[in-house]
Amino acid sequence: MKRLPKPYWQSTDGGAVLYMGDCMEILPLLEAGSVGAVVTDPPYGMNWDTNSKRFTGGKGYHDKTSDRVHGDNTAFDPAPLLRFPKAILWGSNHYANRLPVGTTLVWLKKNESKFGAFLSDCEIAWQTGGHGAYVFHCVWDGCARETENQEHYHPTQKPVVLMEWCIEKVSKEGQTILDPFAGLGTTGVAAIRTGRRCILIEKELKYCAIAAKRLAEACCEGEGQFRFPEPDLFSTV
């Protein structure tokens, strides 16, 4: 019988755990009943070129190691995540034909003056159950980034406040939030801030390193003995 791998990082009390590995291999090892809700931003299957510097005159995001999101070159199948009791899956408009009827969440990420000007005005998520549609307005390139005091190290990075909003919609304090596509660990930070436990899975070492640092800071445990990526892996200029 297979067992869960050793965590890449975990909090002292075990309430926050980060695994480095392929979530499709780790997910079957988790008991669905032990997870309160899945809140995640998976690869959408759109094979998106994430080098935004080509649009912004050199001021946007560019990961020097890759211009693509890992796994984004194949269609995303949400089925493995639907066995958990509740879920919020971002980018659902890209794989809506594979989802049952549910609630629609909209992250409005621009101010009205910028609507229709450049790229998308919003992002869409699917939530288990219901039929309603709800909007969260947070301008990522303005107040959110200043408030959260963080660099843009991932092409699909989300604000912590957005993920807090999601988590509070599908769970109660003390429950466990699962994010199998953890990236920089934003969902985990939001879970900790809202009094939840969390299980995170991330495949890429460079993102695990940053996620571990952010989770430790959220838990007030300091940086500890973490492995960090080389600074030249990223460009935030």
Protein backbone atom coordinates (compact mmCIF):
# COMPACT_ATOMS: atom_id res chain seq x y z
CA MET A 1 0.00 0.00 0.00
CA LYS A 2 1.40 3.37 -1.05
CA ARG A 3 1.93 6.04 1.56
CA LEU A 4 2.05 9.79 1.31
CA PRO A 5 5.54 11.11 0.57
CA LYS A 6 7.56 12.97 3.16
CA PRO A 7 6.43 16.62 3.20
CA TYR A 8 8.67 19.20 1.60
CA TRP A 9 7.66 21.41 4.52
CA GLN A 10 5.15 21.32 7.35
CA SER A 11 4.27 23.55 10.25
CA THR A 12 5.26 22.62 13.79
CA ASP A 13 1.69 21.63 14.69
CA GLY A 14 1.16 19.76 11.40
CA GLY A 15 -1.75 22.01 10.45
CA ALA A 16 -0.09 23.13 7.23
CA VAL A 17 1.62 20.60 4.97
CA LEU A 18 3.34 21.08 1.61
CA TYR A 19 4.21 18.12 -0.62
CA MET A 20 6.46 18.37 -3.66
CA GLY A 21 5.33 16.00 -6.39
CA ASP A 22 2.76 15.19 -9.04
CA CYS A 23 -0.69 15.81 -7.57
CA MET A 24 -2.20 13.09 -9.78
CA GLU A 25 -0.03 10.58 -7.90
CA ILE A 26 -0.61 12.09 -4.44
CA LEU A 27 -4.36 12.82 -4.65
CA PRO A 28 -5.42 9.13 -4.59
CA LEU A 29 -3.54 8.74 -1.30
CA LEU A 30 -5.70 11.37 0.42
CA GLU A 31 -8.99 10.43 2.04
CA ALA A 32 -11.76 12.58 0.61
CA GLY A 33 -13.45 12.78 4.02
CA SER A 34 -10.37 14.35 5.60
CA VAL A 35 -10.59 17.38 3.29
CA GLY A 36 -13.18 20.09 3.87
CA ALA A 37 -12.81 21.67 0.44
CA VAL A 38 -10.54 21.94 -2.58
CA VAL A 39 -9.61 25.51 -3.54
CA THR A 40 -7.22 25.64 -6.47
CA ASP A 41 -6.11 27.35 -9.66
CA PRO A 42 -5.14 24.48 -11.99
CA PRO A 43 -3.56 24.61 -15.45
CA TYR A 44 -6.45 25.40 -17.77
CA GLY A 45 -5.31 23.53 -20.88
CA MET A 46 -4.91 26.68 -22.96
CA ASN A 47 -1.13 26.44 -23.54
CA TRP A 48 -0.84 30.09 -22.62
CA ASP A 49 2.40 31.96 -23.32
CA THR A 50 2.98 33.61 -19.94
CA ASN A 51 5.70 36.03 -21.05
CA SER A 52 3.69 39.23 -20.55
CA LYS A 53 6.75 41.36 -21.29
CA ARG A 54 5.84 41.10 -24.96
CA PHE A 55 2.75 43.21 -24.16
CA THR A 56 4.11 45.53 -21.48
CA GLY A 57 7.31 46.90 -22.97
CA GLY A 58 9.50 44.79 -20.71
CA LYS A 59 7.71 45.60 -17.44
CA GLY A 60 5.58 42.45 -17.12
CA TYR A 61 6.19 38.95 -15.79
CA HIS A 62 8.73 36.64 -17.40
CA ASP A 63 9.97 33.39 -15.89
CA LYS A 64 13.32 32.84 -17.60
CA THR A 65 13.07 29.07 -17.26
CA SER A 66 9.78 28.72 -19.12
CA ASP A 67 7.12 30.77 -20.88
CA ARG A 68 4.44 28.14 -20.21
CA VAL A 69 2.51 26.91 -17.18
CA HIS A 70 3.45 23.30 -16.42
CA GLY A 71 0.74 20.93 -17.69
CA ASP A 72 -1.12 23.69 -19.55
CA ASN A 73 -0.48 22.10 -22.94
CA THR A 74 -3.06 19.36 -22.37
CA ALA A 75 -6.79 19.54 -21.62
CA PHE A 76 -7.51 19.76 -17.89
CA ASP A 77 -9.71 17.04 -16.40
CA PRO A 78 -11.33 18.15 -13.11
CA ALA A 79 -12.75 14.68 -12.34
CA PRO A 80 -10.12 13.73 -9.68
CA LEU A 81 -11.07 16.84 -7.70
CA LEU A 82 -14.82 16.31 -7.85
CA ARG A 83 -14.66 13.38 -5.40
CA PHE A 84 -13.99 15.84 -2.58
CA PRO A 85 -17.08 17.26 -0.80
CA LYS A 86 -16.67 20.87 -1.96
CA ALA A 87 -14.47 22.61 -4.50
CA ILE A 88 -13.66 25.93 -6.09
CA LEU A 89 -11.79 25.58 -9.37
CA TRP A 90 -10.44 28.66 -11.14
CA GLY A 91 -10.31 28.94 -14.90
CA SER A 92 -13.49 26.89 -15.17
CA ASN A 93 -14.58 28.59 -18.39
CA HIS A 94 -11.82 26.63 -20.14
CA TYR A 95 -13.20 23.22 -19.13
CA ALA A 96 -16.85 24.00 -18.34
CA ASN A 97 -18.08 21.06 -20.42
CA ARG A 98 -16.47 18.73 -17.88
CA LEU A 99 -18.17 20.24 -14.83
CA PRO A 100 -21.68 19.78 -13.42
CA VAL A 101 -23.95 22.75 -12.79
CA GLY A 102 -22.67 24.84 -9.91
CA THR A 103 -22.09 28.34 -8.59
CA THR A 104 -20.07 30.84 -10.65
CA LEU A 105 -17.48 33.05 -8.98
CA VAL A 106 -16.03 36.08 -10.76
CA TRP A 107 -12.83 37.85 -9.83
CA LEU A 108 -13.16 41.36 -11.27
CA LYS A 109 -9.52 42.41 -11.49
CA LYS A 110 -9.73 45.82 -13.17
CA ASN A 111 -11.20 49.17 -12.41
CA GLU A 112 -14.10 50.27 -14.62
CA SER A 113 -11.93 52.70 -16.60
CA LYS A 114 -9.84 49.76 -17.86
CA PHE A 115 -12.69 47.45 -18.91
CA GLY A 116 -12.12 46.08 -22.40
CA ALA A 117 -8.77 47.83 -22.76
CA PHE A 118 -6.28 44.97 -22.51
CA LEU A 119 -6.57 41.23 -21.86
CA SER A 120 -9.37 39.91 -19.61
CA ASP A 121 -11.37 42.08 -17.24
CA CYS A 122 -12.07 39.15 -14.93
CA GLU A 123 -11.42 35.47 -14.16
CA ILE A 124 -14.03 32.78 -13.63
CA ALA A 125 -14.27 29.94 -11.09
CA TRP A 126 -16.72 27.08 -10.55
CA GLN A 127 -18.00 26.22 -7.06
CA THR A 128 -19.70 23.00 -6.01
CA GLY A 129 -23.49 23.26 -5.85
CA GLY A 130 -25.93 26.11 -6.26
CA HIS A 131 -26.80 28.19 -9.30
CA GLY A 132 -25.81 31.73 -8.33
CA ALA A 133 -23.04 34.03 -9.51
CA TYR A 134 -20.93 36.15 -7.14
CA VAL A 135 -18.30 38.83 -7.75
CA PHE A 136 -15.15 39.78 -5.85
CA HIS A 137 -13.55 43.07 -6.93
CA CYS A 138 -9.84 43.36 -6.26
CA VAL A 139 -7.42 45.21 -8.53
CA TRP A 140 -4.36 42.96 -8.48
CA ASP A 141 -1.97 45.47 -10.08
CA GLY A 142 -2.87 48.07 -7.50
CA CYS A 143 -4.12 47.82 -3.94
CA ALA A 144 -3.85 44.05 -3.56
CA ARG A 145 -0.16 43.79 -4.35
CA GLU A 146 0.66 46.78 -2.19
CA THR A 147 -1.36 45.38 0.73
CA GLU A 148 0.16 41.92 0.43
CA ASN A 149 3.67 43.27 -0.22
CA GLN A 150 4.64 40.48 -2.59
CA GLU A 151 6.39 40.22 -5.91
CA HIS A 152 4.83 38.65 -8.99
CA TYR A 153 6.71 35.33 -9.15
CA HIS A 154 4.09 33.17 -10.88
CA PRO A 155 2.18 33.88 -14.11
CA THR A 156 -1.21 32.94 -12.63
CA GLN A 157 -0.59 34.27 -9.11
CA LYS A 158 -3.74 35.26 -7.20
CA PRO A 159 -4.19 37.75 -4.32
CA VAL A 160 -4.40 36.24 -0.84
CA VAL A 161 -7.58 38.21 -0.14
CA LEU A 162 -9.26 36.54 -3.14
CA MET A 163 -8.42 33.07 -1.86
CA GLU A 164 -9.61 34.02 1.64
CA TRP A 165 -12.96 34.95 0.08
CA CYS A 166 -13.09 31.57 -1.66
CA ILE A 167 -12.15 29.59 1.43
CA GLU A 168 -14.78 31.27 3.58
CA LYS A 169 -17.43 30.36 0.99
CA VAL A 170 -16.82 26.60 1.15
CA SER A 171 -15.45 25.80 4.62
CA LYS A 172 -15.55 26.45 8.34
CA GLU A 173 -12.74 27.26 10.75
CA GLY A 174 -10.67 24.20 11.62
CA GLN A 175 -11.43 22.36 8.37
CA THR A 176 -8.71 21.33 5.92
CA ILE A 177 -8.28 23.10 2.59
CA LEU A 178 -6.59 21.20 -0.23
CA ASP A 179 -4.75 22.91 -3.10
CA PRO A 180 -3.18 20.33 -5.46
CA PHE A 181 -1.75 23.04 -7.75
CA ALA A 182 -0.26 25.16 -5.01
CA GLY A 183 2.15 27.40 -6.93
CA LEU A 184 3.43 29.96 -4.45
CA GLY A 185 1.21 28.67 -1.65
CA THR A 186 -1.31 31.53 -1.73
CA THR A 187 -4.23 29.24 -0.88
CA GLY A 188 -2.30 27.90 2.10
CA VAL A 189 -1.51 31.38 3.37
CA ALA A 190 -5.20 32.27 3.06
CA ALA A 191 -6.18 29.08 4.89
CA ILE A 192 -3.86 29.86 7.78
CA ARG A 193 -5.10 33.45 8.01
CA THR A 194 -8.73 32.27 8.16
CA GLY A 195 -8.15 29.60 10.82
CA ARG A 196 -8.10 26.55 8.56
CA ARG A 197 -5.67 23.70 8.10
CA CYS A 198 -4.18 23.09 4.66
CA ILE A 199 -2.62 20.46 2.42
CA LEU A 200 -0.71 21.78 -0.58
CA ILE A 201 0.88 19.95 -3.51
CA GLU A 202 3.30 21.56 -5.95
CA LYS A 203 5.41 19.91 -8.62
CA GLU A 204 8.10 22.52 -9.23
CA LEU A 205 10.95 23.01 -6.77
CA LYS A 206 11.31 26.74 -7.39
CA TYR A 207 7.69 27.35 -6.37
CA CYS A 208 7.85 24.94 -3.41
CA ALA A 209 10.72 26.96 -2.00
CA ILE A 210 8.79 30.22 -2.13
CA ALA A 211 5.58 28.58 -0.88
CA ALA A 212 7.40 27.13 2.14
CA LYS A 213 8.79 30.53 3.04
CA ARG A 214 5.38 32.20 2.76
CA LEU A 215 3.63 29.48 4.75
CA ALA A 216 6.22 29.66 7.52
CA GLU A 217 5.79 33.42 7.72
CA ALA A 218 2.00 33.01 7.87
CA CYS A 219 2.45 30.53 10.72
CA CYS A 220 4.91 32.93 12.43
CA GLU A 221 7.57 30.23 12.39
CA GLY A 222 10.26 32.17 10.53
CA GLU A 223 12.03 30.97 7.44
CA GLY A 224 13.83 27.98 8.94
CA GLN A 225 16.01 25.75 6.78
CA PHE A 226 14.48 26.25 3.34
CA ARG A 227 15.93 25.74 -0.13
CA PHE A 228 15.42 28.82 -2.24
CA PRO A 229 15.69 29.13 -6.03
CA GLU A 230 18.49 31.16 -7.55
CA PRO A 231 17.50 34.83 -7.91
CA ASP A 232 18.05 34.81 -11.69
CA LEU A 233 15.24 32.28 -12.15
CA PHE A 234 12.85 35.20 -11.94
CA SER A 235 12.46 38.62 -13.39
CA THR A 236 10.24 41.20 -11.70
CA VAL A 237 11.54 44.31 -13.42
